[in-house]
Amino acid sequence: MEVNTSDPQNHKALDIKEKEKFESEASFIKNINRRKIVAKSKLPNLIVTYDSERAMNDGRKQVVIVVYIARVRVRFQTGVLVHPNDWDSDKLLVRKSHKEYSNLNLIIRDQLAKLTDILVNYKLQGINPTPERIRDDYEKPEYAFDFIEFMEKAILERKGEITASTMRQHQAILSKLKEYKGRILSTQLTEEFFIGYNRYLKTTLKNDQNTRHGNFKTIRSYINIAIRKKLLDKNPMDKNPVKRGAADRVFLTDDELKAMVELYRKNTLSVSRQRVLRYFLFSCFTGLRISDLRRIKLDDIIGDILVLIPYKTKNVTGKTVKIPLTTIAKQLIEDEGPYRVDGRIFNCIAEQNMREYIKLVAKDCKIPKAISFHSARHTFATVFLRKTNDLAALQKLLGHSNIRETMVYAHTLTDDIQEAMKMMEGY
């Protein structure tokens, strides 16, 4: 059938068909190009999932984002913790049954957006990402970083720099943070956050003032590490939100110390109690912590002076402490002879047993105080200052790096440690 081109109506029909054909072809080409662009710039899939394995003590589990980079599974915590019945595994969202569902879903979307931005930047710059690279970039301040993960890693990096007991203490503080909030972004470290966390420590965990002060002091130290690593510009905790309270330092009076010395000299206690009393009295006359008492060796004695670097501060200040040994201190060392092993001055039993035995010894002496092994160090400081009034000497003997640490015991005077130690001879 021929089309009559002289008919204006037919011209119009042809124009419409040509236009439709053109638009169809243009659309097809556009779609082809779009698919090429998408294929060319395809990003790794970000998968939101509910951690089916790891559960908190209360049964809540973490919502995580997973991405596969170079066939390696890289996992990012979102900080969203919900019970299984509050998680919609089809929609990959927190259900409305959770009172904070809106905020929690917003957090998940924010983390997805941050990771997507990182991956897009890689694509634009022609960078082939590695698992290590994406983790490092995610921890940069422009993307925010998980302070929980950072602190966990930083504690392990300090192995050998801090003592094992300090590391355990820092890990315990980190555990409290994890229980409070599974994920804490660096941008969330605000004054309001610290106020809320202080309230949690005080009301939920029943931590006293000094415990809370110590928690924040440790957290602040790791924020400063993040600053040194250029992950943060400034410390969001300008000052510790909890002031240090007056410590309840239990120590022996002159009469109580004399009572313990007399009981030791009678040698009427069981072997275990007699040995523990020996260790306790040695600390009373030297100011040693239990951690140093367990480690000192005969080789550390030069003449009549005990020379050591305190275990607690060896990786912090590394300062050497020199303690003149009094007559009774040297006698206690001699009495330990039959029990000595490996060149150590004292063959101490387990710390827990030592703590229990010294409480029993205090009862034997009719001392109505909650005596701990650290009370020996406080006793040394108190008696020394009472007899010498020499705060500067005491600072050196206790190994304090700052005089303020020593000032909790009293106020100052003279300087000659050797002469001052002679004042301890009257027992």
Protein backbone atom coordinates (compact mmCIF):
# COMPACT_ATOMS: atom_id res chain seq x y z
CA MET A 1 0.00 0.00 0.00
CA GLU A 2 1.45 3.37 -0.97
CA VAL A 3 1.25 6.37 1.26
CA ASN A 4 -0.05 9.54 -0.41
CA THR A 5 2.66 12.01 0.54
CA SER A 6 0.65 14.92 -0.81
CA ASP A 7 -1.93 14.39 1.92
CA PRO A 8 -1.04 16.73 4.90
CA GLN A 9 -2.56 14.21 7.28
CA ASN A 10 -0.16 11.55 6.06
CA HIS A 11 2.79 13.92 6.50
CA LYS A 12 1.73 14.38 10.12
CA ALA A 13 1.53 10.62 10.67
CA LEU A 14 5.00 10.14 9.21
CA ASP A 15 6.41 12.88 11.46
CA ILE A 16 4.95 11.22 14.53
CA LYS A 17 6.34 7.81 13.56
CA GLU A 18 9.77 9.27 12.84
CA LYS A 19 9.72 11.10 16.17
CA GLU A 20 8.68 7.95 18.04
CA LYS A 21 11.36 5.96 16.24
CA PHE A 22 13.98 8.59 17.09
CA GLU A 23 12.92 8.80 20.71
CA SER A 24 12.87 5.01 20.97
CA GLU A 25 16.37 4.74 19.52
CA ALA A 26 17.61 7.61 21.72
CA SER A 27 16.10 5.94 24.76
CA PHE A 28 17.68 2.64 23.81
CA ILE A 29 21.11 4.24 23.32
CA LYS A 30 20.69 6.15 26.61
CA ASN A 31 19.85 2.93 28.43
CA ILE A 32 22.80 1.16 26.84
CA ASN A 33 25.12 3.97 27.90
CA ARG A 34 23.63 3.99 31.42
CA ARG A 35 24.22 0.26 31.72
CA LYS A 36 27.80 0.75 30.53
CA ILE A 37 28.34 3.47 33.14
CA VAL A 38 26.79 1.36 35.87
CA ALA A 39 28.85 -1.66 34.84
CA LYS A 40 31.97 0.46 34.66
CA SER A 41 31.40 2.09 38.07
CA LYS A 42 29.78 -0.81 39.88
CA LEU A 43 30.48 -0.65 43.60
CA PRO A 44 30.91 -3.57 46.01
CA ASN A 45 27.63 -4.49 47.65
CA LEU A 46 27.06 -3.23 51.18
CA ILE A 47 25.08 -5.83 53.07
CA VAL A 48 23.16 -4.95 56.22
CA THR A 49 22.80 -8.01 58.44
CA TYR A 50 21.92 -9.02 61.98
CA ASP A 51 24.81 -10.64 63.86
CA SER A 52 23.45 -14.11 64.53
CA GLU A 53 26.39 -15.27 66.64
CA ARG A 54 27.57 -12.63 69.09
CA ALA A 55 25.06 -11.62 71.75
CA MET A 56 25.31 -9.19 74.68
CA ASN A 57 24.54 -10.33 78.20
CA ASP A 58 20.96 -9.07 77.84
CA GLY A 59 20.35 -11.00 74.58
CA ARG A 60 20.69 -8.03 72.21
CA LYS A 61 22.74 -8.44 69.05
CA GLN A 62 24.56 -6.02 66.78
CA VAL A 63 23.36 -4.84 63.37
CA VAL A 64 26.42 -4.90 61.11
CA ILE A 65 27.33 -3.83 57.59
CA VAL A 66 29.38 -6.28 55.53
CA VAL A 67 31.28 -5.60 52.32
CA TYR A 68 33.52 -7.97 50.36
CA ILE A 69 36.78 -6.38 49.24
CA ALA A 70 39.18 -8.53 47.23
CA ARG A 71 37.11 -11.54 48.34
CA VAL A 72 37.72 -10.68 51.98
CA ARG A 73 34.72 -10.12 54.25
CA VAL A 74 35.05 -6.75 55.99
CA ARG A 75 32.65 -6.16 58.87
CA PHE A 76 31.57 -2.80 60.29
CA GLN A 77 29.54 -2.45 63.49
CA THR A 78 26.74 0.11 63.34
CA GLY A 79 26.38 0.48 67.08
CA VAL A 80 22.72 -0.57 66.81
CA LEU A 81 21.91 -3.27 69.38
CA VAL A 82 18.43 -4.84 69.34
CA HIS A 83 16.73 -8.03 70.47
CA PRO A 84 15.92 -10.57 67.72
CA ASN A 85 12.18 -9.82 67.81
CA ASP A 86 12.91 -6.12 67.10
CA TRP A 87 14.78 -6.84 63.85
CA ASP A 88 13.02 -7.19 60.48
CA SER A 89 15.27 -9.50 58.45
CA ASP A 90 13.23 -8.90 55.26
CA LYS A 91 13.26 -5.11 55.29
CA LEU A 92 16.65 -4.99 57.06
CA LEU A 93 15.31 -2.43 59.51
CA VAL A 94 14.55 -2.14 63.19
CA ARG A 95 10.86 -2.84 63.71
CA LYS A 96 8.47 -0.22 65.01
CA SER A 97 8.07 -2.37 68.12
CA HIS A 98 11.32 -0.77 69.34
CA LYS A 99 10.71 2.64 70.93
CA GLU A 100 13.87 4.04 69.31
CA TYR A 101 13.29 2.43 65.88
CA SER A 102 13.40 5.72 63.99
CA ASN A 103 16.75 6.86 65.46
CA LEU A 104 18.30 3.40 65.15
CA ASN A 105 17.30 3.08 61.49
CA LEU A 106 18.73 6.55 60.87
CA ILE A 107 22.06 5.42 62.37
CA ILE A 108 22.11 2.39 60.05
CA ARG A 109 21.41 4.60 57.01
CA ASP A 110 24.13 7.04 58.09
CA GLN A 111 26.70 4.26 58.29
CA LEU A 112 25.65 2.95 54.89
CA ALA A 113 25.99 6.46 53.46
CA LYS A 114 29.47 6.91 54.93
CA LEU A 115 30.71 3.62 53.52
CA THR A 116 29.09 4.33 50.14
CA ASP A 117 30.88 7.72 50.01
CA ILE A 118 34.20 6.00 50.65
CA LEU A 119 33.61 3.44 47.89
CA VAL A 120 32.45 6.11 45.43
CA ASN A 121 35.59 8.13 46.12
CA TYR A 122 37.67 5.04 45.41
CA LYS A 123 35.92 4.59 42.07
CA LEU A 124 36.31 8.25 41.07
CA GLN A 125 40.01 8.15 41.91
CA GLY A 126 40.60 4.79 40.26
CA ILE A 127 41.67 3.20 43.53
CA ASN A 128 41.41 -0.55 44.02
CA PRO A 129 40.41 -0.77 47.69
CA THR A 130 41.87 -3.27 50.14
CA PRO A 131 40.26 -4.38 53.43
CA GLU A 132 42.94 -2.47 55.34
CA ARG A 133 42.45 0.69 53.25
CA ILE A 134 38.69 0.84 53.71
CA ARG A 135 39.02 0.28 57.47
CA ASP A 136 41.68 3.00 57.77
CA ASP A 137 39.66 5.46 55.69
CA TYR A 138 36.51 4.67 57.65
CA GLU A 139 38.35 5.63 60.84
CA LYS A 140 39.39 9.03 59.48
CA PRO A 141 37.55 11.95 61.06
CA GLU A 142 35.88 13.04 57.83
CA TYR A 143 34.05 9.73 57.86
CA ALA A 144 33.99 9.42 61.68
CA PHE A 145 35.37 6.30 63.35
CA ASP A 146 34.26 3.79 65.94
CA PHE A 147 35.92 4.81 69.22
CA ILE A 148 35.19 1.38 70.73
CA GLU A 149 37.14 -0.37 67.96
CA PHE A 150 39.89 2.25 68.12
CA MET A 151 40.33 1.93 71.91
CA GLU A 152 40.30 -1.87 71.70
CA LYS A 153 43.09 -1.78 69.11
CA ALA A 154 45.04 0.94 70.95
CA ILE A 155 45.05 -1.05 74.21
CA LEU A 156 46.57 -4.05 72.42
CA GLU A 157 49.14 -1.80 70.73
CA ARG A 158 50.30 -0.65 74.18
CA LYS A 159 51.25 -4.16 75.24
CA GLY A 160 54.71 -3.92 76.73
CA GLU A 161 54.30 -0.18 77.20
CA ILE A 162 51.85 -0.57 80.09
CA THR A 163 51.85 -3.33 82.69
CA ALA A 164 49.64 -6.39 82.37
CA SER A 165 47.51 -5.26 85.32
CA THR A 166 47.02 -1.79 83.78
CA MET A 167 46.06 -3.40 80.48
CA ARG A 168 43.45 -5.53 82.25
CA GLN A 169 42.15 -2.42 83.98
CA HIS A 170 41.83 -0.56 80.66
CA GLN A 171 40.07 -3.53 79.06
CA ALA A 172 37.61 -3.59 81.98
CA ILE A 173 36.88 0.11 81.39
CA LEU A 174 36.40 -0.62 77.68
CA SER A 175 33.94 -3.41 78.56
CA LYS A 176 31.82 -0.89 80.48
CA LEU A 177 31.78 1.36 77.41
CA LYS A 178 30.71 -1.56 75.23
CA GLU A 179 27.88 -2.44 77.60
CA TYR A 180 26.73 1.18 77.58
CA LYS A 181 26.81 1.47 73.80
CA GLY A 182 28.09 -1.14 71.36
CA ARG A 183 29.41 1.43 68.92
CA ILE A 184 30.47 5.01 69.67
CA LEU A 185 31.30 7.18 66.68
CA SER A 186 33.97 9.81 67.21
CA THR A 187 31.37 12.46 66.36
CA GLN A 188 29.27 11.23 69.29
CA LEU A 189 31.99 11.98 71.85
CA THR A 190 30.35 15.14 73.14
CA GLU A 191 29.75 16.73 76.51
CA GLU A 192 26.23 15.29 76.47
CA PHE A 193 27.62 11.80 75.85
CA PHE A 194 29.99 12.03 78.82
CA ILE A 195 27.21 13.35 81.06
CA GLY A 196 25.04 10.39 80.09
CA TYR A 197 27.86 7.90 80.57
CA ASN A 198 28.67 9.32 83.99
CA ARG A 199 25.02 8.90 84.94
CA TYR A 200 25.14 5.27 83.72
CA LEU A 201 28.29 4.52 85.79
CA LYS A 202 26.79 6.12 88.87
CA THR A 203 23.17 4.90 88.79
CA THR A 204 23.33 1.62 86.86
CA LEU A 205 26.78 0.28 87.76
CA LYS A 206 26.88 1.97 91.20
CA ASN A 207 30.50 3.09 90.66
CA ASP A 208 31.81 5.45 93.33
CA GLN A 209 33.29 8.87 92.60
CA ASN A 210 36.93 7.82 92.34
CA THR A 211 36.11 4.79 90.18
CA ARG A 212 34.23 7.05 87.76
CA HIS A 213 37.08 9.58 87.84
CA GLY A 214 39.52 6.79 86.93
CA ASN A 215 37.27 5.58 84.10
CA PHE A 216 37.13 9.01 82.49
CA LYS A 217 40.85 9.58 83.04
CA THR A 218 41.60 6.40 81.07
CA ILE A 219 39.10 7.20 78.30
CA ARG A 220 40.60 10.68 78.00
CA SER A 221 44.08 9.18 77.57
CA TYR A 222 42.88 7.15 74.56
CA ILE A 223 41.18 10.19 73.06
CA ASN A 224 44.60 11.89 73.28
CA ILE A 225 46.13 8.91 71.45
CA ALA A 226 43.54 9.44 68.68
CA ILE A 227 44.60 13.10 68.52
CA ARG A 228 48.28 12.10 68.22
CA LYS A 229 47.32 9.80 65.35
CA LYS A 230 45.51 12.77 63.73
CA LEU A 231 42.14 11.04 63.89
CA LEU A 232 40.75 13.86 66.03
CA ASP A 233 41.54 17.57 66.01
CA LYS A 234 40.91 18.21 69.70
CA ASN A 235 39.88 16.43 72.87
CA PRO A 236 36.08 16.63 73.27
CA MET A 237 36.58 15.96 77.00
CA ASP A 238 38.19 19.27 77.97
CA LYS A 239 38.40 18.15 81.58
CA ASN A 240 37.46 15.10 83.58
CA PRO A 241 33.70 15.37 84.24
CA VAL A 242 34.19 13.74 87.65
CA LYS A 243 36.53 15.23 90.24
CA ARG A 244 38.74 12.93 92.27
CA GLY A 245 37.34 12.43 95.74
CA ALA A 246 39.33 12.17 98.91
CA ALA A 247 40.67 8.62 98.94
CA ASP A 248 39.90 6.46 101.95
CA ARG A 249 43.45 5.46 102.83
CA VAL A 250 43.53 2.91 105.62
CA PHE A 251 46.80 2.87 107.55
CA LEU A 252 48.12 1.68 110.90
CA THR A 253 48.82 3.97 113.83
CA ASP A 254 52.12 3.76 115.72
CA ASP A 255 50.54 1.51 118.34
CA GLU A 256 48.92 -0.75 115.75
CA LEU A 257 52.18 -1.13 113.84
CA LYS A 258 54.01 -1.96 117.06
CA ALA A 259 51.34 -4.55 117.88
CA MET A 260 51.96 -6.26 114.54
CA VAL A 261 55.71 -6.20 115.03
CA GLU A 262 55.35 -7.74 118.51
CA LEU A 263 53.03 -10.45 117.16
CA TYR A 264 55.55 -11.26 114.41
CA ARG A 265 58.41 -11.54 116.91
CA LYS A 266 56.41 -13.94 119.09
CA ASN A 267 56.24 -16.31 116.10
CA THR A 268 53.01 -17.91 117.37
CA LEU A 269 51.06 -17.69 114.11
CA SER A 270 50.62 -20.47 111.58
CA VAL A 271 53.40 -20.70 108.99
CA SER A 272 51.28 -19.07 106.27
CA ARG A 273 50.11 -16.18 108.44
CA GLN A 274 53.62 -15.59 109.78
CA ARG A 275 54.99 -15.39 106.23
CA VAL A 276 52.26 -12.99 105.08
CA LEU A 277 52.81 -10.81 108.15
CA ARG A 278 56.51 -10.72 107.23
CA TYR A 279 55.70 -9.45 103.73
CA PHE A 280 53.21 -6.91 105.07
CA LEU A 281 55.68 -5.54 107.63
CA PHE A 282 58.41 -5.26 104.99
CA SER A 283 56.07 -3.04 102.97
CA CYS A 284 55.31 -1.03 106.12
CA PHE A 285 59.03 -0.26 106.48
CA THR A 286 59.83 0.30 102.79
CA GLY A 287 56.59 1.54 101.19
CA LEU A 288 56.70 -1.13 98.47
CA ARG A 289 53.60 -2.06 96.48
CA ILE A 290 52.67 -5.73 96.41
CA SER A 291 53.65 -5.87 92.70
CA ASP A 292 57.24 -4.88 93.62
CA LEU A 293 57.36 -7.01 96.75
CA ARG A 294 56.78 -10.07 94.56
CA ARG A 295 59.57 -9.16 92.12
CA ILE A 296 62.51 -7.74 94.11
CA LYS A 297 65.69 -9.84 94.20
CA LEU A 298 68.75 -10.05 96.40
CA ASP A 299 70.73 -8.53 93.52
CA ASP A 300 68.61 -5.37 93.92
CA ILE A 301 70.24 -4.70 97.29
CA ILE A 302 73.38 -2.59 97.07
CA GLY A 303 74.95 -2.18 100.48
CA ASP A 304 72.01 -1.36 102.72
CA ILE A 305 69.92 0.19 99.94
CA LEU A 306 67.19 -1.50 97.90
CA VAL A 307 67.35 -0.20 94.31
CA LEU A 308 64.47 -0.84 91.93
CA ILE A 309 62.34 0.57 89.13
CA PRO A 310 58.72 0.20 90.35
CA TYR A 311 56.80 -2.25 88.20
CA LYS A 312 53.73 -0.01 87.97
CA THR A 313 55.62 2.93 86.50
CA LYS A 314 58.52 1.24 84.69
CA ASN A 315 57.00 1.95 81.26
CA VAL A 316 55.76 5.40 82.22
CA THR A 317 58.55 7.23 84.05
CA GLY A 318 61.18 4.49 84.32
CA LYS A 319 62.55 6.24 87.40
CA THR A 320 64.76 4.33 89.82
CA VAL A 321 63.79 4.29 93.50
CA LYS A 322 66.40 3.88 96.23
CA ILE A 323 65.15 2.77 99.65
CA PRO A 324 67.54 2.58 102.61
CA LEU A 325 66.85 -0.63 104.56
CA THR A 326 66.25 -0.29 108.30
CA THR A 327 67.34 -2.90 110.84
CA ILE A 328 63.91 -4.50 110.98
CA ALA A 329 63.64 -4.58 107.16
CA LYS A 330 66.98 -6.43 106.94
CA GLN A 331 65.81 -8.86 109.64
CA LEU A 332 62.64 -9.62 107.68
CA ILE A 333 64.76 -10.39 104.59
CA GLU A 334 66.96 -12.74 106.65
CA ASP A 335 63.89 -14.50 108.12
CA GLU A 336 62.66 -15.34 104.62
CA GLY A 337 65.81 -17.36 103.88
CA PRO A 338 64.37 -20.93 104.08
CA TYR A 339 61.53 -20.03 101.69
CA ARG A 340 63.54 -18.08 99.11
CA VAL A 341 63.65 -19.29 95.47
CA ASP A 342 65.08 -17.96 92.19
CA GLY A 343 67.00 -15.22 93.98
CA ARG A 344 63.83 -13.36 94.86
CA ILE A 345 63.85 -11.77 98.30
CA PHE A 346 60.36 -13.02 99.13
CA ASN A 347 58.63 -16.14 97.87
CA CYS A 348 55.15 -14.65 98.08
CA ILE A 349 52.05 -16.82 98.00
CA ALA A 350 49.01 -15.99 95.83
CA GLU A 351 47.85 -12.37 96.21
CA GLN A 352 44.29 -13.35 97.07
CA ASN A 353 45.54 -15.52 99.94
CA MET A 354 47.82 -12.74 101.13
CA ARG A 355 44.88 -10.34 101.26
CA GLU A 356 42.79 -12.79 103.25
CA TYR A 357 45.57 -13.70 105.69
CA ILE A 358 46.47 -10.10 106.50
CA LYS A 359 42.83 -9.42 107.44
CA LEU A 360 43.00 -12.37 109.85
CA VAL A 361 46.28 -11.09 111.30
CA ALA A 362 44.69 -7.68 111.86
CA LYS A 363 41.93 -9.40 113.84
CA ASP A 364 44.57 -11.27 115.87
CA CYS A 365 46.02 -7.84 116.78
CA LYS A 366 42.54 -6.52 117.55
CA ILE A 367 42.87 -3.82 114.87
CA PRO A 368 39.30 -2.72 113.96
CA LYS A 369 40.12 -1.60 110.41
CA ALA A 370 39.51 -2.94 106.91
CA ILE A 371 43.20 -3.63 106.31
CA SER A 372 44.31 -4.34 102.76
CA PHE A 373 47.84 -5.12 101.61
CA HIS A 374 48.11 -1.60 100.20
CA SER A 375 47.54 -0.31 103.75
CA ALA A 376 51.21 -1.17 104.37
CA ARG A 377 52.31 1.46 101.81
CA HIS A 378 49.96 4.02 103.36
CA THR A 379 51.32 3.12 106.80
CA PHE A 380 54.90 3.71 105.64
CA ALA A 381 54.01 7.11 104.19
CA THR A 382 52.02 8.20 107.23
CA VAL A 383 54.57 7.08 109.84
CA PHE A 384 57.48 8.48 107.83
CA LEU A 385 55.89 11.92 107.56
CA ARG A 386 54.78 11.93 111.17
CA LYS A 387 58.39 11.36 112.27
CA THR A 388 60.22 13.42 109.62
CA ASN A 389 57.78 15.89 108.07
CA ASP A 390 59.86 15.45 104.89
CA LEU A 391 57.48 15.37 101.94
CA ALA A 392 60.25 15.71 99.32
CA ALA A 393 62.02 12.63 100.70
CA LEU A 394 58.76 10.71 100.80
CA GLN A 395 58.09 11.54 97.15
CA LYS A 396 61.42 9.96 96.18
CA LEU A 397 60.88 6.90 98.37
CA LEU A 398 57.38 6.24 96.99
CA GLY A 399 58.51 6.86 93.41
CA HIS A 400 55.85 9.51 92.74
CA SER A 401 56.47 11.51 89.57
CA ASN A 402 54.32 14.39 90.81
CA ILE A 403 54.52 15.93 94.27
CA ARG A 404 50.73 16.25 94.26
CA GLU A 405 50.50 12.47 94.56
CA THR A 406 52.53 12.65 97.75
CA MET A 407 50.75 15.67 99.17
CA VAL A 408 47.75 13.53 100.08
CA TYR A 409 49.82 12.38 103.03
CA ALA A 410 50.94 15.74 104.47
CA HIS A 411 53.04 18.92 104.03
CA THR A 412 56.79 19.38 103.58
CA LEU A 413 60.16 20.05 105.26
CA THR A 414 63.75 18.77 104.99
CA ASP A 415 65.69 16.69 102.50
CA ASP A 416 68.18 14.08 103.71
CA ILE A 417 66.64 10.65 103.07
CA GLN A 418 69.37 8.67 104.81
CA GLU A 419 68.94 10.70 108.01
CA ALA A 420 65.17 10.65 107.67
CA MET A 421 65.11 6.84 107.40
CA LYS A 422 66.95 6.55 110.71
CA MET A 423 63.78 7.85 112.32
CA MET A 424 62.16 4.54 111.37
CA GLU A 425 64.55 2.58 113.59
CA GLY A 426 62.47 2.80 116.77
CA TYR A 427 60.51 -0.41 116.27
